[in-house]
Amino acid sequence: MVMAPYFVLATLLALVTAVVLAWPLRGSRPLFAGLVVAIPVMVLSLYQVVGTPAGLDPAQRRAPETLAEAITQLQADLERDPRQVEGWRLLGRALQQQERHGEARDAFARAARLDPEDPGLQTEYAEARSRVDARRRFDDEAIAVLERVLAADPGQQRARLFLGIGYRQHGRSAEAAATWEPLLPALGGEAAAGLRLQINEARVHAGLDPLPEPERVDAAAGEGLRVRVALDPDFAARVRLDPAAVVFVIARAPDGPPMPVAAQRHTVADLPLDIVLGDGDSPMPTQPLSALQEVEVLARISSSGSATPQDGDMSSAPVRVQLPAAGTVELVVGGETPDPR
């Protein structure tokens, strides 16, 4: 059977673009594999971009042999039907790989105008604007876009990171530090230490004191909030989990924003887990755990490793606790009641 010229185009463009995009991440097998798995989705998206094979003249179409040819054909398809968000988005990513940053910015701008409610797309657009500048500066428009993203969803980590960078570039150091601080609970080891260094440099530049050094609460002293995390036995018997999957244990203000007032990061291999949450686990020293009279505590197994809740994550039912708490909070992941936030 002869494959329709359109499908050849869509498949080649998806394959070439995905491999080019994934290649810098080849050292990280999970990330590289994730992009490879996404190829069929990209093919289907392109099918929507260019329409149906019946609408093409086989005599006038041939399958692209290079990424440059695929880009040219996608541009022509978008001229015929410019309403396809994912087409413009894919075009922007492909143009970035060719370092055609001005054209990539314009492609992302078209996509962003078509779907202003997609936070990931808006963040990509803001980043694309910074790539046009030789010093990778986020201009006023990019900063405004990122501010809107975080106003709508404070949990967008990538937007938060970029906005802090933009603030710092524009001399708004206090705002940069305040924007970055909520990212600390999601990081561990060298990444957290590196971000803390950047935050402290920004704070000092703004005339503020550096963040206090994080201190772990001594469980033997009976201080802090004692938490036990375990898997539901039936769930554990039915589902095989990756031992390296990340487990976040979070305390947050009840009925408030999803950002934690205290958090720790562990792995599934650590379960069952007994920990103590304290002020040393607070991402923002100005809002320590001990300052609250009541908190909501939960545990979440993150399929992506991100502190921002994603589809596929598994959460315990949240438990409200009055502080100071004398007993141990019991959290069970894999039960019937997921975390709604």
C-alpha atoms as a PDB file:
ATOM      1  CA  MET A   1       0.000   0.000   0.000  1.00  0.00           C
ATOM      2  CA  VAL A   2       1.315   3.448  -0.881  1.00  0.00           C
ATOM      3  CA  MET A   3       1.305   5.812   2.064  1.00  0.00           C
ATOM      4  CA  ALA A   4      -0.574   9.057   1.447  1.00  0.00           C
ATOM      5  CA  PRO A   5       1.824  11.946   0.779  1.00  0.00           C
ATOM      6  CA  TYR A   6       0.266  13.909   3.600  1.00  0.00           C
ATOM      7  CA  PHE A   7       0.840  11.173   6.146  1.00  0.00           C
ATOM      8  CA  VAL A   8       4.460  10.827   5.050  1.00  0.00           C
ATOM      9  CA  LEU A   9       4.889  14.564   5.591  1.00  0.00           C
ATOM     10  CA  ALA A  10       3.266  14.510   9.008  1.00  0.00           C
ATOM     11  CA  THR A  11       5.210  11.473  10.169  1.00  0.00           C
ATOM     12  CA  LEU A  12       8.585  12.728   8.952  1.00  0.00           C
ATOM     13  CA  LEU A  13       8.087  16.158  10.444  1.00  0.00           C
ATOM     14  CA  ALA A  14       7.075  14.676  13.778  1.00  0.00           C
ATOM     15  CA  LEU A  15       9.977  12.226  13.798  1.00  0.00           C
ATOM     16  CA  VAL A  16      12.641  14.677  12.704  1.00  0.00           C
ATOM     17  CA  THR A  17      11.476  17.438  15.014  1.00  0.00           C
ATOM     18  CA  ALA A  18      11.101  15.131  18.011  1.00  0.00           C
ATOM     19  CA  VAL A  19      14.553  13.619  17.583  1.00  0.00           C
ATOM     20  CA  VAL A  20      16.187  17.028  17.121  1.00  0.00           C
ATOM     21  CA  LEU A  21      14.405  18.355  20.183  1.00  0.00           C
ATOM     22  CA  ALA A  22      15.229  15.284  22.259  1.00  0.00           C
ATOM     23  CA  TRP A  23      18.867  14.923  21.223  1.00  0.00           C
ATOM     24  CA  PRO A  24      20.292  17.403  23.781  1.00  0.00           C
ATOM     25  CA  LEU A  25      18.570  15.311  26.478  1.00  0.00           C
ATOM     26  CA  ARG A  26      19.890  11.949  25.297  1.00  0.00           C
ATOM     27  CA  GLY A  27      21.971  11.623  28.485  1.00  0.00           C
ATOM     28  CA  SER A  28      18.757  11.515  30.502  1.00  0.00           C
ATOM     29  CA  ARG A  29      16.990   8.361  29.390  1.00  0.00           C
ATOM     30  CA  PRO A  30      13.601   9.153  30.990  1.00  0.00           C
ATOM     31  CA  LEU A  31      13.409  12.553  29.308  1.00  0.00           C
ATOM     32  CA  PHE A  32      14.584  11.244  25.952  1.00  0.00           C
ATOM     33  CA  ALA A  33      12.162   8.329  26.129  1.00  0.00           C
ATOM     34  CA  GLY A  34       9.330  10.672  27.038  1.00  0.00           C
ATOM     35  CA  LEU A  35       9.835  12.661  23.870  1.00  0.00           C
ATOM     36  CA  VAL A  36      10.029   9.516  21.786  1.00  0.00           C
ATOM     37  CA  VAL A  37       6.746   8.285  23.263  1.00  0.00           C
ATOM     38  CA  ALA A  38       5.201  11.659  22.400  1.00  0.00           C
ATOM     39  CA  ILE A  39       5.888  11.203  18.669  1.00  0.00           C
ATOM     40  CA  PRO A  40       2.493   9.619  17.853  1.00  0.00           C
ATOM     41  CA  VAL A  41       0.743  12.509  19.558  1.00  0.00           C
ATOM     42  CA  MET A  42       2.728  14.955  17.446  1.00  0.00           C
ATOM     43  CA  VAL A  43       1.755  13.032  14.311  1.00  0.00           C
ATOM     44  CA  LEU A  44      -1.923  13.288  15.187  1.00  0.00           C
ATOM     45  CA  SER A  45      -1.537  16.999  15.927  1.00  0.00           C
ATOM     46  CA  LEU A  46      -0.005  17.540  12.508  1.00  0.00           C
ATOM     47  CA  TYR A  47      -2.849  15.594  10.935  1.00  0.00           C
ATOM     48  CA  GLN A  48      -5.179  18.227  12.354  1.00  0.00           C
ATOM     49  CA  VAL A  49      -2.883  21.011  11.145  1.00  0.00           C
ATOM     50  CA  VAL A  50      -2.791  20.119   7.501  1.00  0.00           C
ATOM     51  CA  GLY A  51      -6.234  18.598   7.099  1.00  0.00           C
ATOM     52  CA  THR A  52      -7.090  15.379   5.306  1.00  0.00           C
ATOM     53  CA  PRO A  53      -5.176  13.527   2.580  1.00  0.00           C
ATOM     54  CA  ALA A  54      -8.130  13.958   0.239  1.00  0.00           C
ATOM     55  CA  GLY A  55      -7.518  17.698   0.242  1.00  0.00           C
ATOM     56  CA  LEU A  56      -4.036  17.325  -1.213  1.00  0.00           C
ATOM     57  CA  ASP A  57      -2.915  16.911  -4.790  1.00  0.00           C
ATOM     58  CA  PRO A  58      -0.448  13.981  -4.787  1.00  0.00           C
ATOM     59  CA  ALA A  59       1.178  15.344  -7.919  1.00  0.00           C
ATOM     60  CA  GLN A  60       2.079  18.547  -6.122  1.00  0.00           C
ATOM     61  CA  ARG A  61       3.203  17.031  -2.799  1.00  0.00           C
ATOM     62  CA  ARG A  62       6.253  15.027  -1.855  1.00  0.00           C
ATOM     63  CA  ALA A  63       7.522  13.900   1.507  1.00  0.00           C
ATOM     64  CA  PRO A  64      10.114  16.244   3.062  1.00  0.00           C
ATOM     65  CA  GLU A  65      13.572  14.744   3.420  1.00  0.00           C
ATOM     66  CA  THR A  66      15.046  17.250   5.889  1.00  0.00           C
ATOM     67  CA  LEU A  67      13.880  19.309   8.835  1.00  0.00           C
ATOM     68  CA  ALA A  68      14.230  22.452   6.722  1.00  0.00           C
ATOM     69  CA  GLU A  69      11.884  21.031   4.076  1.00  0.00           C
ATOM     70  CA  ALA A  70       9.437  19.920   6.754  1.00  0.00           C
ATOM     71  CA  ILE A  71       9.428  23.434   8.209  1.00  0.00           C
ATOM     72  CA  THR A  72       8.777  24.930   4.780  1.00  0.00           C
ATOM     73  CA  GLN A  73       5.827  22.619   4.163  1.00  0.00           C
ATOM     74  CA  LEU A  74       4.405  23.252   7.636  1.00  0.00           C
ATOM     75  CA  GLN A  75       4.638  27.004   7.027  1.00  0.00           C
ATOM     76  CA  ALA A  76       2.706  26.547   3.785  1.00  0.00           C
ATOM     77  CA  ASP A  77       0.065  24.478   5.548  1.00  0.00           C
ATOM     78  CA  LEU A  78      -0.317  27.144   8.238  1.00  0.00           C
ATOM     79  CA  GLU A  79      -0.755  29.800   5.580  1.00  0.00           C
ATOM     80  CA  ARG A  80      -3.726  27.830   4.277  1.00  0.00           C
ATOM     81  CA  ASP A  81      -5.166  27.288   7.764  1.00  0.00           C
ATOM     82  CA  PRO A  82      -3.617  29.630  10.348  1.00  0.00           C
ATOM     83  CA  ARG A  83      -5.999  28.646  13.166  1.00  0.00           C
ATOM     84  CA  GLN A  84      -4.022  25.611  14.339  1.00  0.00           C
ATOM     85  CA  VAL A  85      -2.437  26.286  17.732  1.00  0.00           C
ATOM     86  CA  GLU A  86      -0.297  23.162  17.838  1.00  0.00           C
ATOM     87  CA  GLY A  87       0.955  23.793  14.319  1.00  0.00           C
ATOM     88  CA  TRP A  88       2.336  27.207  15.278  1.00  0.00           C
ATOM     89  CA  ARG A  89       3.741  25.774  18.491  1.00  0.00           C
ATOM     90  CA  LEU A  90       5.535  22.951  16.684  1.00  0.00           C
ATOM     91  CA  LEU A  91       6.818  25.388  14.084  1.00  0.00           C
ATOM     92  CA  GLY A  92       8.235  27.613  16.822  1.00  0.00           C
ATOM     93  CA  ARG A  93      10.062  24.700  18.428  1.00  0.00           C
ATOM     94  CA  ALA A  94      11.492  23.524  15.117  1.00  0.00           C
ATOM     95  CA  LEU A  95      12.651  27.043  14.201  1.00  0.00           C
ATOM     96  CA  GLN A  96      14.383  27.333  17.565  1.00  0.00           C
ATOM     97  CA  GLN A  97      16.399  24.224  16.742  1.00  0.00           C
ATOM     98  CA  GLN A  98      17.627  26.028  13.630  1.00  0.00           C
ATOM     99  CA  GLU A  99      18.380  29.097  15.767  1.00  0.00           C
ATOM    100  CA  ARG A 100      15.927  31.164  13.727  1.00  0.00           C
ATOM    101  CA  HIS A 101      14.854  32.859  16.927  1.00  0.00           C
ATOM    102  CA  GLY A 102      13.018  35.828  15.447  1.00  0.00           C
ATOM    103  CA  GLU A 103      10.812  33.578  13.341  1.00  0.00           C
ATOM    104  CA  ALA A 104      10.346  31.206  16.276  1.00  0.00           C
ATOM    105  CA  ARG A 105       9.174  34.092  18.456  1.00  0.00           C
ATOM    106  CA  ASP A 106       6.638  35.102  15.822  1.00  0.00           C
ATOM    107  CA  ALA A 107       5.354  31.518  15.527  1.00  0.00           C
ATOM    108  CA  PHE A 108       4.918  31.231  19.288  1.00  0.00           C
ATOM    109  CA  ALA A 109       3.203  34.625  19.297  1.00  0.00           C
ATOM    110  CA  ARG A 110       0.626  33.334  16.805  1.00  0.00           C
ATOM    111  CA  ALA A 111       0.025  30.251  18.952  1.00  0.00           C
ATOM    112  CA  ALA A 112      -0.180  32.310  22.150  1.00  0.00           C
ATOM    113  CA  ARG A 113      -2.809  34.610  20.663  1.00  0.00           C
ATOM    114  CA  LEU A 114      -4.894  31.616  19.610  1.00  0.00           C
ATOM    115  CA  ASP A 115      -4.772  30.014  23.077  1.00  0.00           C
ATOM    116  CA  PRO A 116      -4.152  32.623  25.790  1.00  0.00           C
ATOM    117  CA  GLU A 117      -5.268  30.221  28.548  1.00  0.00           C
ATOM    118  CA  ASP A 118      -2.523  27.603  28.051  1.00  0.00           C
ATOM    119  CA  PRO A 119       0.145  28.393  30.703  1.00  0.00           C
ATOM    120  CA  GLY A 120       2.785  26.157  29.134  1.00  0.00           C
ATOM    121  CA  LEU A 121       2.335  27.783  25.738  1.00  0.00           C
ATOM    122  CA  GLN A 122       2.444  31.280  27.211  1.00  0.00           C
ATOM    123  CA  THR A 123       5.656  30.381  29.041  1.00  0.00           C
ATOM    124  CA  GLU A 124       7.212  29.088  25.813  1.00  0.00           C
ATOM    125  CA  TYR A 125       6.261  32.347  24.113  1.00  0.00           C
ATOM    126  CA  ALA A 126       7.928  34.391  26.855  1.00  0.00           C
ATOM    127  CA  GLU A 127      11.073  32.275  26.620  1.00  0.00           C
ATOM    128  CA  ALA A 128      11.082  32.625  22.822  1.00  0.00           C
ATOM    129  CA  ARG A 129      11.089  36.411  23.207  1.00  0.00           C
ATOM    130  CA  SER A 130      14.182  36.170  25.425  1.00  0.00           C
ATOM    131  CA  ARG A 131      16.032  34.042  22.857  1.00  0.00           C
ATOM    132  CA  VAL A 132      15.865  36.871  20.315  1.00  0.00           C
ATOM    133  CA  ASP A 133      18.032  39.018  22.581  1.00  0.00           C
ATOM    134  CA  ALA A 134      21.777  38.317  22.422  1.00  0.00           C
ATOM    135  CA  ARG A 135      21.939  38.450  26.233  1.00  0.00           C
ATOM    136  CA  ARG A 136      18.797  36.319  26.615  1.00  0.00           C
ATOM    137  CA  ARG A 137      16.981  39.140  28.404  1.00  0.00           C
ATOM    138  CA  PHE A 138      13.262  38.882  29.077  1.00  0.00           C
ATOM    139  CA  ASP A 139      11.686  42.082  27.755  1.00  0.00           C
ATOM    140  CA  ASP A 140       8.697  43.886  29.272  1.00  0.00           C
ATOM    141  CA  GLU A 141       6.213  41.903  27.180  1.00  0.00           C
ATOM    142  CA  ALA A 142       7.741  38.573  28.256  1.00  0.00           C
ATOM    143  CA  ILE A 143       7.639  39.613  31.910  1.00  0.00           C
ATOM    144  CA  ALA A 144       4.002  40.672  31.591  1.00  0.00           C
ATOM    145  CA  VAL A 145       3.149  37.291  30.035  1.00  0.00           C
ATOM    146  CA  LEU A 146       4.877  35.393  32.854  1.00  0.00           C
ATOM    147  CA  GLU A 147       3.167  37.533  35.485  1.00  0.00           C
ATOM    148  CA  ARG A 148      -0.208  36.650  33.987  1.00  0.00           C
ATOM    149  CA  VAL A 149       0.680  32.952  33.982  1.00  0.00           C
ATOM    150  CA  LEU A 150       1.615  32.957  37.668  1.00  0.00           C
ATOM    151  CA  ALA A 151      -1.379  35.077  38.629  1.00  0.00           C
ATOM    152  CA  ALA A 152      -3.605  32.400  37.093  1.00  0.00           C
ATOM    153  CA  ASP A 153      -1.601  29.421  38.395  1.00  0.00           C
ATOM    154  CA  PRO A 154       1.114  30.021  41.043  1.00  0.00           C
ATOM    155  CA  GLY A 155       2.243  26.418  40.645  1.00  0.00           C
ATOM    156  CA  GLN A 156       3.777  26.927  37.177  1.00  0.00           C
ATOM    157  CA  GLN A 157       7.409  26.293  38.120  1.00  0.00           C
ATOM    158  CA  ARG A 158       9.018  27.055  34.759  1.00  0.00           C
ATOM    159  CA  ALA A 159       7.193  30.369  34.503  1.00  0.00           C
ATOM    160  CA  ARG A 160       8.240  31.169  38.078  1.00  0.00           C
ATOM    161  CA  LEU A 161      11.883  30.464  37.303  1.00  0.00           C
ATOM    162  CA  PHE A 162      11.832  32.604  34.145  1.00  0.00           C
ATOM    163  CA  LEU A 163       9.981  35.458  35.843  1.00  0.00           C
ATOM    164  CA  GLY A 164      12.585  35.560  38.609  1.00  0.00           C
ATOM    165  CA  ILE A 165      15.321  35.725  35.982  1.00  0.00           C
ATOM    166  CA  GLY A 166      13.478  38.535  34.208  1.00  0.00           C
ATOM    167  CA  TYR A 167      13.054  40.504  37.418  1.00  0.00           C
ATOM    168  CA  ARG A 168      16.741  40.071  38.223  1.00  0.00           C
ATOM    169  CA  GLN A 169      17.764  41.235  34.734  1.00  0.00           C
ATOM    170  CA  HIS A 170      15.687  44.388  35.191  1.00  0.00           C
ATOM    171  CA  GLY A 171      17.128  45.183  38.627  1.00  0.00           C
ATOM    172  CA  ARG A 172      14.001  44.108  40.514  1.00  0.00           C
ATOM    173  CA  SER A 173      16.039  41.954  42.877  1.00  0.00           C
ATOM    174  CA  ALA A 174      13.628  41.777  45.808  1.00  0.00           C
ATOM    175  CA  GLU A 175      10.853  40.599  43.487  1.00  0.00           C
ATOM    176  CA  ALA A 176      13.207  38.062  41.925  1.00  0.00           C
ATOM    177  CA  ALA A 177      14.060  36.565  45.303  1.00  0.00           C
ATOM    178  CA  ALA A 178      10.423  36.428  46.388  1.00  0.00           C
ATOM    179  CA  THR A 179       9.466  34.789  43.089  1.00  0.00           C
ATOM    180  CA  TRP A 180      12.141  32.099  43.364  1.00  0.00           C
ATOM    181  CA  GLU A 181      11.711  31.174  47.034  1.00  0.00           C
ATOM    182  CA  PRO A 182       8.624  28.942  46.532  1.00  0.00           C
ATOM    183  CA  LEU A 183      10.700  26.762  44.174  1.00  0.00           C
ATOM    184  CA  LEU A 184      13.038  25.578  46.941  1.00  0.00           C
ATOM    185  CA  PRO A 185      10.850  22.737  48.324  1.00  0.00           C
ATOM    186  CA  ALA A 186      10.702  21.118  44.887  1.00  0.00           C
ATOM    187  CA  LEU A 187      14.485  20.927  44.627  1.00  0.00           C
ATOM    188  CA  GLY A 188      17.065  18.883  46.412  1.00  0.00           C
ATOM    189  CA  GLY A 189      20.819  18.707  46.787  1.00  0.00           C
ATOM    190  CA  GLU A 190      22.927  20.881  44.509  1.00  0.00           C
ATOM    191  CA  ALA A 191      19.927  22.318  42.656  1.00  0.00           C
ATOM    192  CA  ALA A 192      18.433  23.682  45.875  1.00  0.00           C
ATOM    193  CA  ALA A 193      21.816  24.986  47.012  1.00  0.00           C
ATOM    194  CA  GLY A 194      22.370  26.719  43.669  1.00  0.00           C
ATOM    195  CA  LEU A 195      18.959  28.367  43.714  1.00  0.00           C
ATOM    196  CA  ARG A 196      19.405  29.419  47.338  1.00  0.00           C
ATOM    197  CA  LEU A 197      22.681  31.097  46.331  1.00  0.00           C
ATOM    198  CA  GLN A 198      20.905  33.026  43.547  1.00  0.00           C
ATOM    199  CA  ILE A 199      18.132  34.035  45.939  1.00  0.00           C
ATOM    200  CA  ASN A 200      20.611  35.278  48.523  1.00  0.00           C
ATOM    201  CA  GLU A 201      22.540  37.268  45.914  1.00  0.00           C
ATOM    202  CA  ALA A 202      19.284  38.900  44.841  1.00  0.00           C
ATOM    203  CA  ARG A 203      18.303  39.629  48.445  1.00  0.00           C
ATOM    204  CA  VAL A 204      21.664  41.196  49.235  1.00  0.00           C
ATOM    205  CA  HIS A 205      21.445  43.300  46.061  1.00  0.00           C
ATOM    206  CA  ALA A 206      18.032  44.494  47.265  1.00  0.00           C
ATOM    207  CA  GLY A 207      19.395  45.385  50.709  1.00  0.00           C
ATOM    208  CA  LEU A 208      17.792  42.382  52.418  1.00  0.00           C
ATOM    209  CA  ASP A 209      19.366  39.793  54.692  1.00  0.00           C
ATOM    210  CA  PRO A 210      20.189  36.400  53.153  1.00  0.00           C
ATOM    211  CA  LEU A 211      17.881  33.501  53.859  1.00  0.00           C
ATOM    212  CA  PRO A 212      18.702  31.664  57.081  1.00  0.00           C
ATOM    213  CA  GLU A 213      20.416  28.344  56.571  1.00  0.00           C
ATOM    214  CA  PRO A 214      17.918  25.477  56.483  1.00  0.00           C
ATOM    215  CA  GLU A 215      17.797  23.432  59.651  1.00  0.00           C
ATOM    216  CA  ARG A 216      16.273  19.999  59.995  1.00  0.00           C
ATOM    217  CA  VAL A 217      14.002  19.604  62.990  1.00  0.00           C
ATOM    218  CA  ASP A 218      15.284  17.083  65.542  1.00  0.00           C
ATOM    219  CA  ALA A 219      12.650  14.369  65.731  1.00  0.00           C
ATOM    220  CA  ALA A 220      14.004  13.131  69.046  1.00  0.00           C
ATOM    221  CA  ALA A 221      13.276  16.505  70.598  1.00  0.00           C
ATOM    222  CA  GLY A 222       9.576  16.044  69.870  1.00  0.00           C
ATOM    223  CA  GLU A 223       9.352  19.299  67.907  1.00  0.00           C
ATOM    224  CA  GLY A 224       7.579  19.933  64.623  1.00  0.00           C
ATOM    225  CA  LEU A 225       4.818  17.924  63.005  1.00  0.00           C
ATOM    226  CA  ARG A 226       5.303  14.159  62.984  1.00  0.00           C
ATOM    227  CA  VAL A 227       4.034  12.452  59.836  1.00  0.00           C
ATOM    228  CA  ARG A 228       3.891   8.808  58.775  1.00  0.00           C
ATOM    229  CA  VAL A 229       3.414   8.014  55.070  1.00  0.00           C
ATOM    230  CA  ALA A 230       2.542   4.558  53.756  1.00  0.00           C
ATOM    231  CA  LEU A 231       1.012   2.920  50.689  1.00  0.00           C
ATOM    232  CA  ASP A 232      -2.460   1.430  50.842  1.00  0.00           C
ATOM    233  CA  PRO A 233      -1.823  -2.361  51.083  1.00  0.00           C
ATOM    234  CA  ASP A 234      -4.354  -3.294  48.384  1.00  0.00           C
ATOM    235  CA  PHE A 235      -3.011  -0.580  46.108  1.00  0.00           C
ATOM    236  CA  ALA A 236       0.589  -1.688  46.698  1.00  0.00           C
ATOM    237  CA  ALA A 237      -0.365  -5.274  45.830  1.00  0.00           C
ATOM    238  CA  ARG A 238      -2.019  -4.242  42.555  1.00  0.00           C
ATOM    239  CA  VAL A 239       0.340  -1.552  41.270  1.00  0.00           C
ATOM    240  CA  ARG A 240       4.077  -1.757  40.706  1.00  0.00           C
ATOM    241  CA  LEU A 241       5.636   1.637  41.394  1.00  0.00           C
ATOM    242  CA  ASP A 242       9.052   2.884  40.394  1.00  0.00           C
ATOM    243  CA  PRO A 243      11.170   2.872  43.598  1.00  0.00           C
ATOM    244  CA  ALA A 244      12.841   6.085  42.396  1.00  0.00           C
ATOM    245  CA  ALA A 245       9.530   7.940  41.951  1.00  0.00           C
ATOM    246  CA  VAL A 246       9.408  11.135  43.994  1.00  0.00           C
ATOM    247  CA  VAL A 247       7.223  11.411  47.095  1.00  0.00           C
ATOM    248  CA  PHE A 248       6.379  14.912  48.323  1.00  0.00           C
ATOM    249  CA  VAL A 249       5.134  15.359  51.887  1.00  0.00           C
ATOM    250  CA  ILE A 250       3.472  18.750  52.115  1.00  0.00           C
ATOM    251  CA  ALA A 251       1.894  20.971  54.748  1.00  0.00           C
ATOM    252  CA  ARG A 252      -0.109  23.945  53.477  1.00  0.00           C
ATOM    253  CA  ALA A 253      -2.629  26.493  54.681  1.00  0.00           C
ATOM    254  CA  PRO A 254      -6.179  25.048  54.658  1.00  0.00           C
ATOM    255  CA  ASP A 255      -8.400  26.535  51.940  1.00  0.00           C
ATOM    256  CA  GLY A 256      -5.442  28.596  50.767  1.00  0.00           C
ATOM    257  CA  PRO A 257      -3.100  28.463  47.773  1.00  0.00           C
ATOM    258  CA  PRO A 258      -1.477  25.124  46.882  1.00  0.00           C
ATOM    259  CA  MET A 259       2.021  26.411  47.677  1.00  0.00           C
ATOM    260  CA  PRO A 260       3.396  24.601  50.765  1.00  0.00           C
ATOM    261  CA  VAL A 261       4.417  26.147  54.062  1.00  0.00           C
ATOM    262  CA  ALA A 262       6.598  23.085  54.657  1.00  0.00           C
ATOM    263  CA  ALA A 263       7.645  20.255  52.366  1.00  0.00           C
ATOM    264  CA  GLN A 264      10.048  17.348  52.138  1.00  0.00           C
ATOM    265  CA  ARG A 265      11.070  15.266  49.137  1.00  0.00           C
ATOM    266  CA  HIS A 266      11.597  11.504  49.368  1.00  0.00           C
ATOM    267  CA  THR A 267      11.187   8.448  47.118  1.00  0.00           C
ATOM    268  CA  VAL A 268       8.837   5.479  46.940  1.00  0.00           C
ATOM    269  CA  ALA A 269      11.726   3.290  48.099  1.00  0.00           C
ATOM    270  CA  ASP A 270      11.638   5.152  51.436  1.00  0.00           C
ATOM    271  CA  LEU A 271       8.041   4.069  52.165  1.00  0.00           C
ATOM    272  CA  PRO A 272       6.747   3.500  54.784  1.00  0.00           C
ATOM    273  CA  LEU A 273       8.213   6.773  55.958  1.00  0.00           C
ATOM    274  CA  ASP A 274       8.331   8.567  59.318  1.00  0.00           C
ATOM    275  CA  ILE A 275       9.400  12.208  59.210  1.00  0.00           C
ATOM    276  CA  VAL A 276       9.091  15.466  61.099  1.00  0.00           C
ATOM    277  CA  LEU A 277       8.036  18.625  59.259  1.00  0.00           C
ATOM    278  CA  GLY A 278       9.296  21.830  60.838  1.00  0.00           C
ATOM    279  CA  ASP A 279      10.282  25.414  60.159  1.00  0.00           C
ATOM    280  CA  GLY A 280      13.457  24.180  58.469  1.00  0.00           C
ATOM    281  CA  ASP A 281      11.256  22.724  55.736  1.00  0.00           C
ATOM    282  CA  SER A 282       9.517  26.025  55.014  1.00  0.00           C
ATOM    283  CA  PRO A 283      10.329  27.442  51.557  1.00  0.00           C
ATOM    284  CA  MET A 284       9.655  30.983  52.758  1.00  0.00           C
ATOM    285  CA  PRO A 285      11.209  31.994  56.093  1.00  0.00           C
ATOM    286  CA  THR A 286       8.615  34.761  56.380  1.00  0.00           C
ATOM    287  CA  GLN A 287       5.876  32.108  56.578  1.00  0.00           C
ATOM    288  CA  PRO A 288       7.193  29.251  58.735  1.00  0.00           C
ATOM    289  CA  LEU A 289       5.104  26.245  59.665  1.00  0.00           C
ATOM    290  CA  SER A 290       5.058  27.291  63.321  1.00  0.00           C
ATOM    291  CA  ALA A 291       3.290  30.553  62.440  1.00  0.00           C
ATOM    292  CA  LEU A 292       0.077  28.718  61.507  1.00  0.00           C
ATOM    293  CA  GLN A 293      -2.586  27.478  63.902  1.00  0.00           C
ATOM    294  CA  GLU A 294      -3.894  24.870  61.468  1.00  0.00           C
ATOM    295  CA  VAL A 295      -2.421  23.115  58.440  1.00  0.00           C
ATOM    296  CA  GLU A 296      -3.485  20.583  55.847  1.00  0.00           C
ATOM    297  CA  VAL A 297      -1.043  17.713  55.371  1.00  0.00           C
ATOM    298  CA  LEU A 298      -0.823  15.334  52.415  1.00  0.00           C
ATOM    299  CA  ALA A 299       1.586  13.099  50.537  1.00  0.00           C
ATOM    300  CA  ARG A 300       1.829  12.852  46.765  1.00  0.00           C
ATOM    301  CA  ILE A 301       3.708  10.449  44.508  1.00  0.00           C
ATOM    302  CA  SER A 302       4.772  12.513  41.507  1.00  0.00           C
ATOM    303  CA  SER A 303       4.928  10.736  38.169  1.00  0.00           C
ATOM    304  CA  SER A 304       7.004  13.588  36.722  1.00  0.00           C
ATOM    305  CA  GLY A 305       9.148  14.534  39.710  1.00  0.00           C
ATOM    306  CA  SER A 306       7.563  17.996  39.658  1.00  0.00           C
ATOM    307  CA  ALA A 307       6.163  19.614  42.797  1.00  0.00           C
ATOM    308  CA  THR A 308       3.308  20.943  40.653  1.00  0.00           C
ATOM    309  CA  PRO A 309       0.462  18.375  40.574  1.00  0.00           C
ATOM    310  CA  GLN A 310       0.247  16.574  37.233  1.00  0.00           C
ATOM    311  CA  ASP A 311      -2.074  14.038  35.647  1.00  0.00           C
ATOM    312  CA  GLY A 312      -1.022  10.593  36.824  1.00  0.00           C
ATOM    313  CA  ASP A 313       0.102  11.706  40.295  1.00  0.00           C
ATOM    314  CA  MET A 314      -1.221   9.755  43.282  1.00  0.00           C
ATOM    315  CA  SER A 315      -2.119  11.581  46.496  1.00  0.00           C
ATOM    316  CA  SER A 316      -3.251  10.756  49.982  1.00  0.00           C
ATOM    317  CA  ALA A 317      -6.405  12.286  51.355  1.00  0.00           C
ATOM    318  CA  PRO A 318      -5.445  15.641  52.946  1.00  0.00           C
ATOM    319  CA  VAL A 319      -5.590  15.713  56.749  1.00  0.00           C
ATOM    320  CA  ARG A 320      -6.275  18.892  58.738  1.00  0.00           C
ATOM    321  CA  VAL A 321      -4.213  19.286  61.879  1.00  0.00           C
ATOM    322  CA  GLN A 322      -4.296  21.828  64.699  1.00  0.00           C
ATOM    323  CA  LEU A 323      -0.843  23.082  65.699  1.00  0.00           C
ATOM    324  CA  PRO A 324       0.997  22.233  67.812  1.00  0.00           C
ATOM    325  CA  ALA A 325       0.077  18.590  67.228  1.00  0.00           C
ATOM    326  CA  ALA A 326       0.811  15.981  69.877  1.00  0.00           C
ATOM    327  CA  GLY A 327       0.283  12.853  67.782  1.00  0.00           C
ATOM    328  CA  THR A 328       1.438  11.548  64.414  1.00  0.00           C
ATOM    329  CA  VAL A 329      -0.413  12.371  61.206  1.00  0.00           C
ATOM    330  CA  GLU A 330      -1.124   9.170  59.257  1.00  0.00           C
ATOM    331  CA  LEU A 331      -1.148   9.522  55.457  1.00  0.00           C
ATOM    332  CA  VAL A 332      -2.038   6.660  53.116  1.00  0.00           C
ATOM    333  CA  VAL A 333      -1.382   6.951  49.375  1.00  0.00           C
ATOM    334  CA  GLY A 334      -3.439   4.923  46.937  1.00  0.00           C
ATOM    335  CA  GLY A 335      -6.748   5.048  48.764  1.00  0.00           C
ATOM    336  CA  GLU A 336     -10.118   6.163  47.457  1.00  0.00           C
ATOM    337  CA  THR A 337      -9.925   9.921  48.112  1.00  0.00           C
ATOM    338  CA  PRO A 338      -7.372  11.903  46.073  1.00  0.00           C
ATOM    339  CA  ASP A 339      -6.202  15.391  46.858  1.00  0.00           C
ATOM    340  CA  PRO A 340      -8.524  17.866  45.048  1.00  0.00           C
ATOM    341  CA  ARG A 341      -5.885  20.584  44.671  1.00  0.00           C
END
